[in-house]
Amino acid sequence: SRQFTRLKEAGIIDLPSRREVRILDREELEAEAG
């Protein structure tokens, strides 16, 4: 999705495969979630 792409470009998550999401910056991810 576009959100995953945006989060990846921001360095918040990594998408090593289609079925895997790796959280790189949990605090920033929580801030994005509100």
N, C-alpha and C. Protein backbone atom coordinates (compact mmCIF):
# COMPACT_ATOMS: atom_id res chain seq x y z
N SER A 1 0.83 -1.19 0.00
CA SER A 1 0.00 0.00 0.00
C SER A 1 0.87 1.25 0.00
N ARG A 2 0.26 2.36 -0.27
CA ARG A 2 1.01 3.63 -0.28
C ARG A 2 1.54 3.98 1.10
N GLN A 3 0.79 3.61 2.14
CA GLN A 3 1.26 3.90 3.50
C GLN A 3 2.54 3.14 3.81
N PHE A 4 2.58 1.86 3.44
CA PHE A 4 3.80 1.07 3.65
C PHE A 4 4.98 1.70 2.92
N THR A 5 4.74 2.12 1.68
CA THR A 5 5.81 2.73 0.89
C THR A 5 6.30 4.00 1.57
N ARG A 6 5.38 4.82 2.04
CA ARG A 6 5.75 6.08 2.71
C ARG A 6 6.55 5.81 3.99
N LEU A 7 6.10 4.82 4.78
CA LEU A 7 6.80 4.48 6.01
C LEU A 7 8.19 3.92 5.71
N LYS A 8 8.29 3.14 4.64
CA LYS A 8 9.60 2.60 4.26
C LYS A 8 10.54 3.71 3.84
N GLU A 9 10.05 4.64 3.02
CA GLU A 9 10.89 5.75 2.56
C GLU A 9 11.33 6.63 3.72
N ALA A 10 10.52 6.70 4.78
CA ALA A 10 10.86 7.49 5.96
C ALA A 10 11.80 6.75 6.90
N GLY A 11 12.11 5.48 6.60
CA GLY A 11 13.02 4.70 7.44
C GLY A 11 12.37 4.16 8.69
N ILE A 12 11.04 4.14 8.73
CA ILE A 12 10.32 3.67 9.92
C ILE A 12 10.14 2.16 9.89
N ILE A 13 9.93 1.62 8.69
CA ILE A 13 9.79 0.17 8.53
C ILE A 13 10.67 -0.30 7.38
N ASP A 14 10.88 -1.62 7.33
CA ASP A 14 11.55 -2.25 6.19
C ASP A 14 10.62 -3.33 5.68
N LEU A 15 10.64 -3.54 4.38
CA LEU A 15 9.78 -4.55 3.75
C LEU A 15 10.67 -5.56 3.03
N PRO A 16 11.28 -6.50 3.79
CA PRO A 16 12.21 -7.44 3.18
C PRO A 16 11.56 -8.41 2.20
N SER A 17 10.27 -8.68 2.37
CA SER A 17 9.55 -9.54 1.43
C SER A 17 8.09 -9.13 1.42
N ARG A 18 7.32 -9.71 0.51
CA ARG A 18 5.89 -9.35 0.42
C ARG A 18 5.11 -9.72 1.67
N ARG A 19 5.62 -10.68 2.43
CA ARG A 19 4.88 -11.17 3.61
C ARG A 19 5.50 -10.75 4.93
N GLU A 20 6.50 -9.89 4.89
CA GLU A 20 7.21 -9.54 6.11
C GLU A 20 7.37 -8.03 6.23
N VAL A 21 7.08 -7.51 7.43
CA VAL A 21 7.29 -6.10 7.73
C VAL A 21 8.20 -6.03 8.95
N ARG A 22 9.29 -5.31 8.84
CA ARG A 22 10.23 -5.17 9.95
C ARG A 22 10.14 -3.73 10.46
N ILE A 23 9.88 -3.58 11.75
CA ILE A 23 9.79 -2.25 12.36
C ILE A 23 11.19 -1.78 12.73
N LEU A 24 11.59 -0.65 12.20
CA LEU A 24 12.92 -0.10 12.47
C LEU A 24 12.87 0.99 13.54
N ASP A 25 11.77 1.72 13.61
CA ASP A 25 11.63 2.84 14.56
C ASP A 25 10.24 2.77 15.18
N ARG A 26 10.14 2.02 16.26
CA ARG A 26 8.83 1.78 16.88
C ARG A 26 8.21 3.08 17.41
N GLU A 27 9.01 3.94 18.01
CA GLU A 27 8.46 5.19 18.55
C GLU A 27 7.86 6.04 17.45
N GLU A 28 8.54 6.15 16.33
CA GLU A 28 8.02 6.96 15.22
C GLU A 28 6.78 6.31 14.62
N LEU A 29 6.76 4.98 14.55
CA LEU A 29 5.58 4.29 14.04
C LEU A 29 4.37 4.57 14.93
N GLU A 30 4.57 4.53 16.25
CA GLU A 30 3.48 4.83 17.18
C GLU A 30 3.03 6.28 17.04
N ALA A 31 3.96 7.19 16.81
CA ALA A 31 3.61 8.60 16.61
C ALA A 31 2.78 8.77 15.34
N GLU A 32 3.14 8.05 14.29
CA GLU A 32 2.38 8.10 13.03
C GLU A 32 0.96 7.57 13.23
N ALA A 33 0.82 6.57 14.10
CA ALA A 33 -0.48 5.95 14.33
C ALA A 33 -1.40 6.86 15.15
N GLY A 34 -0.79 7.79 15.88
CA GLY A 34 -1.60 8.72 16.67
C GLY A 34 -1.67 8.28 18.05
